[in-house]
Amino acid sequence: MTTLAEAMILLSDRGSSARFTTVDRNSATVGATLADLALAGRIALHGKDVTVVDPQPTGDAVMDEVLAQIAASKPRQPAKWMSRLYWGFPNRVRDALAGREVLTRTTSKLFHVRKYTSATPAAETETRQRLLAAVATGGTDDAWVAELAAQVRAANMEQYLLPELPRAEARQRIAAIAASSWTGEASRAARHNNYIAYTAALLPIAVTLMIVFTR
C-alpha cells in the first residue's frame, strides 16, 4: 500500500514544470509521514505538540524510524519536527519505493549522484485518480485522500495536478478537502521556516560571489 509520503514523491517528482520547489516538496513529504503515523494511530496532536500514543512499529521502515525519533525525543510542535527531519528525507522515501520496485535507482560514477526513475506508473496513477475523484465530487470520506490533499496544498501543487482548472479554483477545491488536517497546516508552517533556513544557508555564498564578481 502506498504511504502518503510515497504518494507525495510519486506526484511531485515528475512535475518539473510545476510551480513548486524542492523546499515545498520536501516539507510536505515529511508532513505526509506525520500524517501516515497519525492515520495509523501511532501519534496525535496534544495541545501544540506531537506525542506518541502507540509506540508499536507499523512495519514501514521510514514511518518506524520517524516514530522512534519522536518517541525518544522531547515533545515538539509538528512544524519543528518537519524542519528537523527535512534534510535528505525524500531520498529515504524514494529508496523505500525502489525497494518495492516502484522506482528504479541508479548511481552515477561521478560524484555518486542517485537518480530515480519510474519503474511502473500504477501506484502514481492510482494516487492521482483517488485525489481527482475527490476534487470532482467536492469532498471525500477517505481520510487518506483528505490528508493527501492537505500536503498537496502545503506544497503548492494544485495547479500542476489540476491544470484544467483556474488556479484560484484549484486551490479552493483542494483546500475544501484538506480543511481539517493539522499536518497540512504544520507543513505550511514548516515550509515557511525551511525557506528562511534555506535562504540563510545560501546568503553567505551569494555575498561571496557578489564580492568576487564585482571586484
N, C-alpha and C. Protein backbone atom coordinates (compact mmCIF):
# COMPACT_ATOMS: atom_id res chain seq x y z
N MET A 1 0.84 -1.20 0.00
CA MET A 1 0.00 0.00 0.00
C MET A 1 0.87 1.24 0.00
N THR A 2 0.53 2.22 -0.80
CA THR A 2 1.31 3.44 -0.91
C THR A 2 1.07 4.33 0.31
N THR A 3 2.15 4.79 0.94
CA THR A 3 2.00 5.72 2.04
C THR A 3 1.79 7.13 1.49
N LEU A 4 1.37 8.04 2.36
CA LEU A 4 1.20 9.42 1.93
C LEU A 4 2.52 10.04 1.50
N ALA A 5 3.58 9.73 2.22
CA ALA A 5 4.90 10.26 1.84
C ALA A 5 5.31 9.76 0.46
N GLU A 6 5.06 8.48 0.20
CA GLU A 6 5.38 7.93 -1.12
C GLU A 6 4.51 8.57 -2.19
N ALA A 7 3.24 8.81 -1.86
CA ALA A 7 2.35 9.46 -2.81
C ALA A 7 2.85 10.84 -3.19
N MET A 8 3.34 11.58 -2.21
CA MET A 8 3.86 12.92 -2.50
C MET A 8 5.06 12.86 -3.43
N ILE A 9 5.93 11.89 -3.21
CA ILE A 9 7.09 11.73 -4.08
C ILE A 9 6.65 11.36 -5.49
N LEU A 10 5.73 10.42 -5.61
CA LEU A 10 5.28 9.98 -6.92
C LEU A 10 4.61 11.10 -7.69
N LEU A 11 3.84 11.94 -7.00
CA LEU A 11 3.13 13.03 -7.66
C LEU A 11 4.04 14.20 -8.00
N SER A 12 5.05 14.44 -7.19
CA SER A 12 5.86 15.66 -7.36
C SER A 12 7.13 15.46 -8.16
N ASP A 13 7.71 14.28 -8.15
CA ASP A 13 8.99 14.10 -8.82
C ASP A 13 8.91 14.28 -10.32
N ARG A 14 7.75 14.05 -10.90
CA ARG A 14 7.61 14.18 -12.35
C ARG A 14 7.07 15.55 -12.74
N GLY A 15 6.99 16.45 -11.78
CA GLY A 15 6.41 17.76 -12.06
C GLY A 15 7.45 18.84 -12.28
N SER A 16 8.37 18.62 -13.21
CA SER A 16 9.46 19.57 -13.40
C SER A 16 8.99 20.94 -13.86
N SER A 17 7.82 20.99 -14.48
CA SER A 17 7.32 22.28 -14.96
C SER A 17 6.33 22.90 -13.98
N ALA A 18 6.11 22.26 -12.85
CA ALA A 18 5.13 22.77 -11.88
C ALA A 18 5.70 23.93 -11.09
N ARG A 19 4.78 24.69 -10.52
CA ARG A 19 5.19 25.88 -9.76
C ARG A 19 5.35 25.53 -8.29
N PHE A 20 6.24 24.61 -8.02
CA PHE A 20 6.58 24.32 -6.63
C PHE A 20 8.06 24.00 -6.59
N THR A 21 8.67 24.09 -5.43
CA THR A 21 10.10 23.97 -5.31
C THR A 21 10.48 22.76 -4.48
N THR A 22 11.79 22.52 -4.41
CA THR A 22 12.29 21.43 -3.57
C THR A 22 11.89 21.64 -2.12
N VAL A 23 11.93 22.88 -1.66
CA VAL A 23 11.53 23.17 -0.28
C VAL A 23 10.07 22.80 -0.06
N ASP A 24 9.20 23.17 -1.02
CA ASP A 24 7.79 22.82 -0.94
C ASP A 24 7.61 21.31 -0.82
N ARG A 25 8.23 20.59 -1.73
CA ARG A 25 8.07 19.14 -1.80
C ARG A 25 8.65 18.45 -0.57
N ASN A 26 9.86 18.85 -0.16
CA ASN A 26 10.50 18.20 0.98
C ASN A 26 9.71 18.40 2.26
N SER A 27 9.24 19.62 2.49
CA SER A 27 8.47 19.91 3.70
C SER A 27 7.19 19.07 3.73
N ALA A 28 6.50 19.00 2.60
CA ALA A 28 5.25 18.26 2.54
C ALA A 28 5.47 16.76 2.65
N THR A 29 6.62 16.26 2.19
CA THR A 29 6.90 14.83 2.30
C THR A 29 7.08 14.42 3.76
N VAL A 30 7.78 15.24 4.53
CA VAL A 30 7.91 14.95 5.97
C VAL A 30 6.55 15.06 6.64
N GLY A 31 5.80 16.10 6.28
CA GLY A 31 4.45 16.26 6.83
C GLY A 31 3.57 15.06 6.51
N ALA A 32 3.73 14.51 5.33
CA ALA A 32 2.95 13.34 4.93
C ALA A 32 3.27 12.14 5.81
N THR A 33 4.52 12.00 6.23
CA THR A 33 4.88 10.89 7.11
C THR A 33 4.25 11.05 8.49
N LEU A 34 4.18 12.28 9.00
CA LEU A 34 3.47 12.51 10.25
C LEU A 34 1.99 12.16 10.08
N ALA A 35 1.44 12.52 8.93
CA ALA A 35 0.04 12.17 8.66
C ALA A 35 -0.14 10.66 8.58
N ASP A 36 0.82 9.96 7.96
CA ASP A 36 0.77 8.50 7.91
C ASP A 36 0.73 7.91 9.32
N LEU A 37 1.58 8.43 10.20
CA LEU A 37 1.65 7.93 11.57
C LEU A 37 0.37 8.25 12.34
N ALA A 38 -0.20 9.43 12.07
CA ALA A 38 -1.45 9.80 12.74
C ALA A 38 -2.59 8.89 12.28
N LEU A 39 -2.67 8.61 10.98
CA LEU A 39 -3.72 7.73 10.46
C LEU A 39 -3.56 6.31 10.99
N ALA A 40 -2.30 5.92 11.25
CA ALA A 40 -2.03 4.58 11.78
C ALA A 40 -2.25 4.49 13.29
N GLY A 41 -2.64 5.61 13.90
CA GLY A 41 -2.90 5.62 15.33
C GLY A 41 -1.66 5.61 16.20
N ARG A 42 -0.52 6.01 15.63
CA ARG A 42 0.74 5.99 16.39
C ARG A 42 1.06 7.32 17.06
N ILE A 43 0.65 8.43 16.46
CA ILE A 43 0.90 9.74 17.05
C ILE A 43 -0.38 10.56 17.05
N ALA A 44 -0.40 11.60 17.86
CA ALA A 44 -1.55 12.51 17.91
C ALA A 44 -1.04 13.89 18.30
N LEU A 45 -1.86 14.87 18.08
CA LEU A 45 -1.53 16.24 18.47
C LEU A 45 -2.19 16.51 19.82
N HIS A 46 -1.37 16.68 20.85
CA HIS A 46 -1.85 17.02 22.19
C HIS A 46 -1.42 18.44 22.50
N GLY A 47 -2.38 19.34 22.56
CA GLY A 47 -2.03 20.75 22.68
C GLY A 47 -1.36 21.20 21.40
N LYS A 48 -0.14 21.68 21.53
CA LYS A 48 0.62 22.12 20.35
C LYS A 48 1.69 21.12 19.93
N ASP A 49 1.86 20.04 20.69
CA ASP A 49 2.96 19.12 20.46
C ASP A 49 2.51 17.77 19.92
N VAL A 50 3.41 17.13 19.18
CA VAL A 50 3.19 15.77 18.70
C VAL A 50 3.60 14.79 19.80
N THR A 51 2.73 13.86 20.10
CA THR A 51 3.05 12.85 21.10
C THR A 51 2.77 11.46 20.55
N VAL A 52 3.51 10.50 21.06
CA VAL A 52 3.32 9.11 20.65
C VAL A 52 2.23 8.49 21.52
N VAL A 53 1.21 7.92 20.90
CA VAL A 53 0.13 7.26 21.64
C VAL A 53 0.23 5.74 21.53
N ASP A 54 1.02 5.27 20.56
CA ASP A 54 1.24 3.83 20.40
C ASP A 54 2.62 3.64 19.78
N PRO A 55 3.61 3.15 20.54
CA PRO A 55 4.98 3.03 20.02
C PRO A 55 5.22 1.79 19.18
N GLN A 56 4.21 0.95 18.99
CA GLN A 56 4.40 -0.28 18.22
C GLN A 56 4.75 0.04 16.77
N PRO A 57 5.76 -0.64 16.20
CA PRO A 57 6.14 -0.40 14.80
C PRO A 57 4.98 -0.65 13.84
N THR A 58 5.00 0.07 12.74
CA THR A 58 3.96 -0.08 11.72
C THR A 58 4.33 -1.12 10.68
N GLY A 59 5.64 -1.42 10.58
CA GLY A 59 6.11 -2.30 9.53
C GLY A 59 6.68 -1.56 8.34
N ASP A 60 6.50 -0.24 8.31
CA ASP A 60 7.08 0.59 7.25
C ASP A 60 8.35 1.23 7.81
N ALA A 61 9.48 1.01 7.14
CA ALA A 61 10.78 1.42 7.68
C ALA A 61 10.88 2.92 7.90
N VAL A 62 10.42 3.71 6.95
CA VAL A 62 10.51 5.17 7.07
C VAL A 62 9.63 5.66 8.21
N MET A 63 8.39 5.21 8.25
CA MET A 63 7.49 5.61 9.31
C MET A 63 8.02 5.20 10.68
N ASP A 64 8.55 3.99 10.79
CA ASP A 64 9.01 3.49 12.09
C ASP A 64 10.26 4.23 12.56
N GLU A 65 11.09 4.66 11.63
CA GLU A 65 12.27 5.46 12.01
C GLU A 65 11.84 6.80 12.60
N VAL A 66 10.87 7.45 11.96
CA VAL A 66 10.37 8.72 12.47
C VAL A 66 9.65 8.52 13.80
N LEU A 67 8.86 7.46 13.90
CA LEU A 67 8.15 7.17 15.15
C LEU A 67 9.13 6.99 16.30
N ALA A 68 10.23 6.27 16.07
CA ALA A 68 11.23 6.04 17.10
C ALA A 68 11.90 7.35 17.52
N GLN A 69 12.15 8.24 16.55
CA GLN A 69 12.76 9.54 16.87
C GLN A 69 11.83 10.38 17.74
N ILE A 70 10.54 10.38 17.40
CA ILE A 70 9.58 11.16 18.18
C ILE A 70 9.46 10.60 19.59
N ALA A 71 9.42 9.26 19.69
CA ALA A 71 9.27 8.62 21.00
C ALA A 71 10.47 8.88 21.90
N ALA A 72 11.66 9.02 21.30
CA ALA A 72 12.88 9.18 22.08
C ALA A 72 13.21 10.65 22.37
N SER A 73 12.42 11.56 21.86
CA SER A 73 12.73 12.98 21.97
C SER A 73 11.73 13.69 22.87
N LYS A 74 12.08 14.90 23.22
CA LYS A 74 11.15 15.74 23.97
C LYS A 74 10.01 16.17 23.05
N PRO A 75 8.87 16.56 23.62
CA PRO A 75 7.74 16.99 22.78
C PRO A 75 8.10 18.20 21.92
N ARG A 76 7.66 18.16 20.67
CA ARG A 76 7.90 19.26 19.75
C ARG A 76 6.64 19.52 18.95
N GLN A 77 6.51 20.75 18.47
CA GLN A 77 5.41 21.08 17.59
C GLN A 77 5.63 20.42 16.23
N PRO A 78 4.55 20.13 15.49
CA PRO A 78 4.69 19.44 14.21
C PRO A 78 5.64 20.13 13.23
N ALA A 79 5.53 21.45 13.10
CA ALA A 79 6.40 22.17 12.16
C ALA A 79 7.86 22.03 12.53
N LYS A 80 8.16 21.95 13.83
CA LYS A 80 9.55 21.79 14.25
C LYS A 80 10.07 20.40 13.91
N TRP A 81 9.20 19.39 14.02
CA TRP A 81 9.62 18.06 13.59
C TRP A 81 9.89 18.03 12.10
N MET A 82 9.07 18.72 11.34
CA MET A 82 9.25 18.72 9.89
C MET A 82 10.55 19.40 9.48
N SER A 83 10.89 20.48 10.17
CA SER A 83 12.16 21.15 9.88
C SER A 83 13.34 20.30 10.34
N ARG A 84 13.17 19.59 11.45
CA ARG A 84 14.24 18.76 11.99
C ARG A 84 14.55 17.57 11.07
N LEU A 85 13.51 17.01 10.45
CA LEU A 85 13.68 15.83 9.61
C LEU A 85 13.92 16.17 8.14
N TYR A 86 13.87 17.42 7.80
CA TYR A 86 13.80 17.91 6.42
C TYR A 86 14.92 17.41 5.51
N TRP A 87 16.16 17.57 5.93
CA TRP A 87 17.30 17.34 5.03
C TRP A 87 17.44 15.87 4.67
N GLY A 88 17.42 15.58 3.37
CA GLY A 88 17.63 14.24 2.87
C GLY A 88 16.45 13.30 3.01
N PHE A 89 15.34 13.78 3.57
CA PHE A 89 14.22 12.88 3.84
C PHE A 89 13.60 12.28 2.57
N PRO A 90 13.38 13.04 1.50
CA PRO A 90 12.76 12.45 0.31
C PRO A 90 13.50 11.23 -0.24
N ASN A 91 14.84 11.24 -0.17
CA ASN A 91 15.57 10.08 -0.69
C ASN A 91 15.32 8.82 0.13
N ARG A 92 15.03 8.97 1.41
CA ARG A 92 14.67 7.80 2.22
C ARG A 92 13.36 7.20 1.72
N VAL A 93 12.44 8.07 1.32
CA VAL A 93 11.17 7.59 0.79
C VAL A 93 11.38 6.98 -0.60
N ARG A 94 12.20 7.62 -1.42
CA ARG A 94 12.48 7.08 -2.75
C ARG A 94 13.16 5.72 -2.66
N ASP A 95 14.06 5.56 -1.70
CA ASP A 95 14.72 4.26 -1.53
C ASP A 95 13.72 3.17 -1.16
N ALA A 96 12.74 3.54 -0.35
CA ALA A 96 11.69 2.57 0.01
C ALA A 96 10.89 2.17 -1.23
N LEU A 97 10.60 3.14 -2.08
CA LEU A 97 9.88 2.84 -3.33
C LEU A 97 10.75 1.99 -4.26
N ALA A 98 12.04 2.27 -4.29
CA ALA A 98 12.95 1.47 -5.12
C ALA A 98 13.02 0.04 -4.60
N GLY A 99 12.95 -0.12 -3.27
CA GLY A 99 12.97 -1.46 -2.68
C GLY A 99 11.77 -2.29 -3.08
N ARG A 100 10.66 -1.64 -3.39
CA ARG A 100 9.46 -2.34 -3.84
C ARG A 100 9.33 -2.32 -5.37
N GLU A 101 10.37 -1.82 -6.03
CA GLU A 101 10.44 -1.78 -7.49
C GLU A 101 9.39 -0.88 -8.11
N VAL A 102 8.94 0.12 -7.34
CA VAL A 102 8.06 1.15 -7.91
C VAL A 102 8.92 2.18 -8.63
N LEU A 103 10.09 2.45 -8.08
CA LEU A 103 11.09 3.29 -8.72
C LEU A 103 12.34 2.46 -8.99
N THR A 104 13.13 2.92 -9.94
CA THR A 104 14.44 2.34 -10.22
C THR A 104 15.51 3.34 -9.82
N ARG A 105 16.49 2.88 -9.04
CA ARG A 105 17.55 3.79 -8.59
C ARG A 105 18.85 3.44 -9.29
N THR A 106 19.50 4.46 -9.81
CA THR A 106 20.85 4.32 -10.38
C THR A 106 21.76 5.34 -9.71
N THR A 107 23.05 5.04 -9.66
CA THR A 107 24.02 5.93 -9.04
C THR A 107 25.12 6.23 -10.05
N SER A 108 25.37 7.50 -10.29
CA SER A 108 26.39 7.88 -11.26
C SER A 108 27.78 7.61 -10.70
N LYS A 109 28.70 7.29 -11.57
CA LYS A 109 30.07 7.05 -11.16
C LYS A 109 30.74 8.33 -10.69
N LEU A 110 30.35 9.45 -11.32
CA LEU A 110 30.91 10.74 -10.94
C LEU A 110 30.07 11.35 -9.83
N PHE A 111 30.68 11.60 -8.69
CA PHE A 111 30.04 12.22 -7.51
C PHE A 111 28.99 11.32 -6.84
N HIS A 112 28.76 10.13 -7.40
CA HIS A 112 27.82 9.16 -6.78
C HIS A 112 26.42 9.77 -6.58
N VAL A 113 25.96 10.49 -7.57
CA VAL A 113 24.62 11.09 -7.51
C VAL A 113 23.57 10.03 -7.80
N ARG A 114 22.56 9.96 -6.93
CA ARG A 114 21.48 9.00 -7.13
C ARG A 114 20.41 9.58 -8.05
N LYS A 115 19.91 8.74 -8.94
CA LYS A 115 18.84 9.15 -9.84
C LYS A 115 17.73 8.11 -9.76
N TYR A 116 16.49 8.59 -9.68
CA TYR A 116 15.34 7.69 -9.56
C TYR A 116 14.42 7.89 -10.76
N THR A 117 14.00 6.80 -11.34
CA THR A 117 13.05 6.85 -12.45
C THR A 117 11.91 5.88 -12.16
N SER A 118 10.78 6.13 -12.79
CA SER A 118 9.59 5.30 -12.55
C SER A 118 9.77 3.93 -13.18
N ALA A 119 9.55 2.89 -12.38
CA ALA A 119 9.60 1.53 -12.91
C ALA A 119 8.22 1.06 -13.35
N THR A 120 7.21 1.56 -12.66
CA THR A 120 5.81 1.25 -13.01
C THR A 120 4.94 2.43 -12.63
N PRO A 121 4.04 2.86 -13.52
CA PRO A 121 3.20 4.02 -13.24
C PRO A 121 1.96 3.71 -12.43
N ALA A 122 1.75 2.44 -12.08
CA ALA A 122 0.47 2.04 -11.47
C ALA A 122 0.18 2.77 -10.17
N ALA A 123 1.18 2.86 -9.27
CA ALA A 123 0.96 3.49 -7.97
C ALA A 123 0.68 4.98 -8.12
N GLU A 124 1.42 5.64 -9.01
CA GLU A 124 1.20 7.07 -9.23
C GLU A 124 -0.18 7.30 -9.84
N THR A 125 -0.56 6.48 -10.82
CA THR A 125 -1.85 6.63 -11.47
C THR A 125 -3.00 6.47 -10.49
N GLU A 126 -2.92 5.45 -9.63
CA GLU A 126 -3.98 5.22 -8.66
C GLU A 126 -4.08 6.39 -7.67
N THR A 127 -2.94 6.88 -7.23
CA THR A 127 -2.91 8.01 -6.29
C THR A 127 -3.55 9.24 -6.90
N ARG A 128 -3.17 9.53 -8.12
CA ARG A 128 -3.72 10.70 -8.82
C ARG A 128 -5.23 10.56 -9.02
N GLN A 129 -5.68 9.38 -9.39
CA GLN A 129 -7.11 9.17 -9.64
C GLN A 129 -7.93 9.33 -8.36
N ARG A 130 -7.40 8.85 -7.23
CA ARG A 130 -8.13 8.99 -5.96
C ARG A 130 -8.28 10.46 -5.58
N LEU A 131 -7.24 11.23 -5.80
CA LEU A 131 -7.30 12.66 -5.48
C LEU A 131 -8.24 13.38 -6.43
N LEU A 132 -8.15 13.09 -7.71
CA LEU A 132 -9.00 13.76 -8.69
C LEU A 132 -10.48 13.42 -8.50
N ALA A 133 -10.75 12.21 -8.05
CA ALA A 133 -12.14 11.83 -7.78
C ALA A 133 -12.72 12.65 -6.65
N ALA A 134 -11.90 12.92 -5.62
CA ALA A 134 -12.36 13.75 -4.51
C ALA A 134 -12.60 15.18 -4.96
N VAL A 135 -11.72 15.68 -5.81
CA VAL A 135 -11.87 17.05 -6.33
C VAL A 135 -13.15 17.16 -7.16
N ALA A 136 -13.40 16.13 -7.97
CA ALA A 136 -14.57 16.17 -8.85
C ALA A 136 -15.88 16.17 -8.07
N THR A 137 -15.92 15.47 -6.93
CA THR A 137 -17.15 15.39 -6.15
C THR A 137 -17.23 16.46 -5.07
N GLY A 138 -16.13 17.20 -4.86
CA GLY A 138 -16.13 18.28 -3.88
C GLY A 138 -15.85 17.86 -2.46
N GLY A 139 -15.44 16.61 -2.27
CA GLY A 139 -15.13 16.15 -0.92
C GLY A 139 -14.86 14.67 -0.90
N THR A 140 -14.53 14.14 0.29
CA THR A 140 -14.25 12.72 0.43
C THR A 140 -14.44 12.27 1.87
N ASP A 141 -14.82 11.01 2.03
CA ASP A 141 -14.88 10.39 3.35
C ASP A 141 -13.61 9.60 3.65
N ASP A 142 -12.69 9.60 2.69
CA ASP A 142 -11.43 8.86 2.81
C ASP A 142 -10.40 9.76 3.50
N ALA A 143 -10.04 9.43 4.73
CA ALA A 143 -9.09 10.26 5.49
C ALA A 143 -7.73 10.31 4.81
N TRP A 144 -7.35 9.22 4.14
CA TRP A 144 -6.05 9.19 3.44
C TRP A 144 -6.03 10.24 2.33
N VAL A 145 -7.09 10.31 1.55
CA VAL A 145 -7.17 11.28 0.45
C VAL A 145 -7.22 12.70 1.00
N ALA A 146 -7.94 12.91 2.09
CA ALA A 146 -8.00 14.25 2.70
C ALA A 146 -6.63 14.71 3.15
N GLU A 147 -5.86 13.80 3.74
CA GLU A 147 -4.50 14.15 4.17
C GLU A 147 -3.59 14.39 2.96
N LEU A 148 -3.78 13.62 1.90
CA LEU A 148 -3.01 13.85 0.69
C LEU A 148 -3.30 15.24 0.13
N ALA A 149 -4.57 15.62 0.10
CA ALA A 149 -4.93 16.95 -0.37
C ALA A 149 -4.27 18.04 0.48
N ALA A 150 -4.18 17.79 1.78
CA ALA A 150 -3.56 18.77 2.67
C ALA A 150 -2.09 18.97 2.34
N GLN A 151 -1.39 17.89 2.02
CA GLN A 151 0.04 18.01 1.69
C GLN A 151 0.24 18.60 0.29
N VAL A 152 -0.67 18.28 -0.63
CA VAL A 152 -0.64 18.90 -1.97
C VAL A 152 -0.81 20.41 -1.83
N ARG A 153 -1.73 20.81 -0.98
CA ARG A 153 -1.94 22.25 -0.73
C ARG A 153 -0.70 22.87 -0.11
N ALA A 154 -0.09 22.18 0.85
CA ALA A 154 1.10 22.72 1.52
C ALA A 154 2.27 22.90 0.55
N ALA A 155 2.33 22.03 -0.46
CA ALA A 155 3.42 22.10 -1.43
C ALA A 155 3.10 22.95 -2.65
N ASN A 156 1.93 23.59 -2.65
CA ASN A 156 1.53 24.44 -3.79
C ASN A 156 1.48 23.65 -5.10
N MET A 157 0.99 22.43 -5.05
CA MET A 157 0.96 21.58 -6.23
C MET A 157 -0.38 21.56 -6.94
N GLU A 158 -1.34 22.37 -6.49
CA GLU A 158 -2.69 22.30 -7.06
C GLU A 158 -2.71 22.55 -8.56
N GLN A 159 -1.99 23.56 -8.99
CA GLN A 159 -2.03 23.93 -10.39
C GLN A 159 -1.42 22.84 -11.28
N TYR A 160 -0.41 22.16 -10.75
CA TYR A 160 0.22 21.08 -11.52
C TYR A 160 -0.71 19.88 -11.65
N LEU A 161 -1.41 19.55 -10.56
CA LEU A 161 -2.27 18.37 -10.58
C LEU A 161 -3.64 18.64 -11.21
N LEU A 162 -4.05 19.91 -11.22
CA LEU A 162 -5.35 20.29 -11.77
C LEU A 162 -5.18 21.38 -12.82
N PRO A 163 -4.45 21.10 -13.90
CA PRO A 163 -4.14 22.15 -14.87
C PRO A 163 -5.34 22.67 -15.64
N GLU A 164 -6.43 21.87 -15.64
CA GLU A 164 -7.61 22.28 -16.40
C GLU A 164 -8.45 23.31 -15.65
N LEU A 165 -8.17 23.52 -14.37
CA LEU A 165 -8.92 24.47 -13.56
C LEU A 165 -8.15 25.78 -13.40
N PRO A 166 -8.86 26.91 -13.29
CA PRO A 166 -8.19 28.16 -12.94
C PRO A 166 -7.46 27.98 -11.61
N ARG A 167 -6.35 28.67 -11.46
CA ARG A 167 -5.50 28.47 -10.29
C ARG A 167 -6.27 28.67 -8.98
N ALA A 168 -7.07 29.73 -8.91
CA ALA A 168 -7.81 30.02 -7.68
C ALA A 168 -8.82 28.92 -7.37
N GLU A 169 -9.47 28.39 -8.40
CA GLU A 169 -10.45 27.33 -8.18
C GLU A 169 -9.78 26.04 -7.75
N ALA A 170 -8.63 25.74 -8.34
CA ALA A 170 -7.89 24.54 -7.95
C ALA A 170 -7.51 24.60 -6.48
N ARG A 171 -7.03 25.76 -6.04
CA ARG A 171 -6.67 25.92 -4.64
C ARG A 171 -7.88 25.80 -3.73
N GLN A 172 -8.99 26.37 -4.16
CA GLN A 172 -10.21 26.34 -3.35
C GLN A 172 -10.72 24.91 -3.17
N ARG A 173 -10.70 24.14 -4.22
CA ARG A 173 -11.21 22.76 -4.14
C ARG A 173 -10.31 21.89 -3.27
N ILE A 174 -9.00 22.02 -3.44
CA ILE A 174 -8.07 21.24 -2.61
C ILE A 174 -8.20 21.66 -1.15
N ALA A 175 -8.29 22.94 -0.92
CA ALA A 175 -8.40 23.45 0.46
C ALA A 175 -9.66 22.93 1.14
N ALA A 176 -10.75 22.80 0.41
CA ALA A 176 -12.01 22.31 0.99
C ALA A 176 -11.87 20.87 1.44
N ILE A 177 -11.15 20.06 0.68
CA ILE A 177 -10.95 18.66 1.04
C ILE A 177 -10.02 18.53 2.24
N ALA A 178 -9.06 19.46 2.33
CA ALA A 178 -7.99 19.36 3.34
C ALA A 178 -8.28 20.16 4.60
N ALA A 179 -9.47 20.68 4.75
CA ALA A 179 -9.75 21.68 5.79
C ALA A 179 -9.44 21.23 7.21
N SER A 180 -9.60 19.95 7.52
CA SER A 180 -9.48 19.50 8.92
C SER A 180 -8.11 18.92 9.27
N SER A 181 -7.12 19.07 8.42
CA SER A 181 -5.82 18.42 8.63
C SER A 181 -4.85 19.29 9.42
N TRP A 182 -4.43 18.82 10.60
CA TRP A 182 -3.41 19.57 11.35
C TRP A 182 -2.03 19.38 10.74
N THR A 183 -1.80 18.24 10.08
CA THR A 183 -0.49 18.03 9.46
C THR A 183 -0.30 18.95 8.25
N GLY A 184 -1.38 19.23 7.53
CA GLY A 184 -1.28 20.14 6.40
C GLY A 184 -0.91 21.54 6.83
N GLU A 185 -1.55 22.03 7.90
CA GLU A 185 -1.22 23.36 8.41
C GLU A 185 0.22 23.40 8.92
N ALA A 186 0.64 22.31 9.56
CA ALA A 186 2.01 22.25 10.05
C ALA A 186 3.01 22.25 8.90
N SER A 187 2.69 21.58 7.81
CA SER A 187 3.58 21.57 6.65
C SER A 187 3.73 22.96 6.05
N ARG A 188 2.64 23.71 6.06
CA ARG A 188 2.71 25.08 5.54
C ARG A 188 3.62 25.94 6.43
N ALA A 189 3.52 25.75 7.75
CA ALA A 189 4.39 26.49 8.66
C ALA A 189 5.85 26.06 8.50
N ALA A 190 6.07 24.76 8.35
CA ALA A 190 7.43 24.25 8.17
C ALA A 190 8.03 24.74 6.86
N ARG A 191 7.20 24.81 5.83
CA ARG A 191 7.66 25.32 4.54
C ARG A 191 8.20 26.74 4.70
N HIS A 192 7.48 27.58 5.44
CA HIS A 192 7.92 28.95 5.68
C HIS A 192 9.25 28.95 6.44
N ASN A 193 9.35 28.13 7.49
CA ASN A 193 10.57 28.08 8.29
C ASN A 193 11.76 27.56 7.47
N ASN A 194 11.49 26.56 6.63
CA ASN A 194 12.56 25.97 5.83
C ASN A 194 13.06 26.93 4.75
N TYR A 195 12.16 27.75 4.21
CA TYR A 195 12.61 28.77 3.26
C TYR A 195 13.56 29.75 3.93
N ILE A 196 13.24 30.13 5.16
CA ILE A 196 14.11 31.04 5.90
C ILE A 196 15.48 30.40 6.13
N ALA A 197 15.48 29.14 6.57
CA ALA A 197 16.73 28.44 6.82
C ALA A 197 17.54 28.26 5.54
N TYR A 198 16.85 27.93 4.44
CA TYR A 198 17.49 27.73 3.15
C TYR A 198 18.14 29.02 2.67
N THR A 199 17.42 30.12 2.81
CA THR A 199 17.95 31.43 2.41
C THR A 199 19.15 31.82 3.25
N ALA A 200 19.04 31.57 4.56
CA ALA A 200 20.14 31.90 5.47
C ALA A 200 21.40 31.10 5.14
N ALA A 201 21.21 29.83 4.72
CA ALA A 201 22.36 28.99 4.38
C ALA A 201 23.03 29.45 3.09
N LEU A 202 22.22 29.94 2.14
CA LEU A 202 22.77 30.36 0.84
C LEU A 202 23.30 31.79 0.84
N LEU A 203 22.88 32.60 1.80
CA LEU A 203 23.25 34.01 1.80
C LEU A 203 24.76 34.24 1.81
N PRO A 204 25.53 33.55 2.67
CA PRO A 204 26.98 33.79 2.64
C PRO A 204 27.61 33.45 1.30
N ILE A 205 27.10 32.40 0.64
CA ILE A 205 27.63 32.04 -0.68
C ILE A 205 27.32 33.13 -1.69
N ALA A 206 26.10 33.63 -1.66
CA ALA A 206 25.70 34.68 -2.59
C ALA A 206 26.52 35.94 -2.39
N VAL A 207 26.74 36.31 -1.14
CA VAL A 207 27.53 37.52 -0.84
C VAL A 207 28.96 37.35 -1.33
N THR A 208 29.52 36.16 -1.09
CA THR A 208 30.90 35.90 -1.54
C THR A 208 31.02 36.01 -3.05
N LEU A 209 30.05 35.43 -3.78
CA LEU A 209 30.08 35.51 -5.24
C LEU A 209 29.94 36.94 -5.73
N MET A 210 29.10 37.72 -5.07
CA MET A 210 28.94 39.12 -5.45
C MET A 210 30.24 39.89 -5.27
N ILE A 211 30.92 39.61 -4.18
CA ILE A 211 32.19 40.29 -3.93
C ILE A 211 33.22 39.91 -4.99
N VAL A 212 33.28 38.60 -5.31
CA VAL A 212 34.25 38.12 -6.29
C VAL A 212 34.02 38.70 -7.67
N PHE A 213 32.75 38.72 -8.11
CA PHE A 213 32.45 39.14 -9.47
C PHE A 213 32.26 40.64 -9.65
N THR A 214 32.23 41.39 -8.56
CA THR A 214 32.10 42.83 -8.70
C THR A 214 33.40 43.56 -8.42
N ARG A 215 34.45 42.83 -8.17
CA ARG A 215 35.74 43.49 -7.97
C ARG A 215 36.29 44.02 -9.28
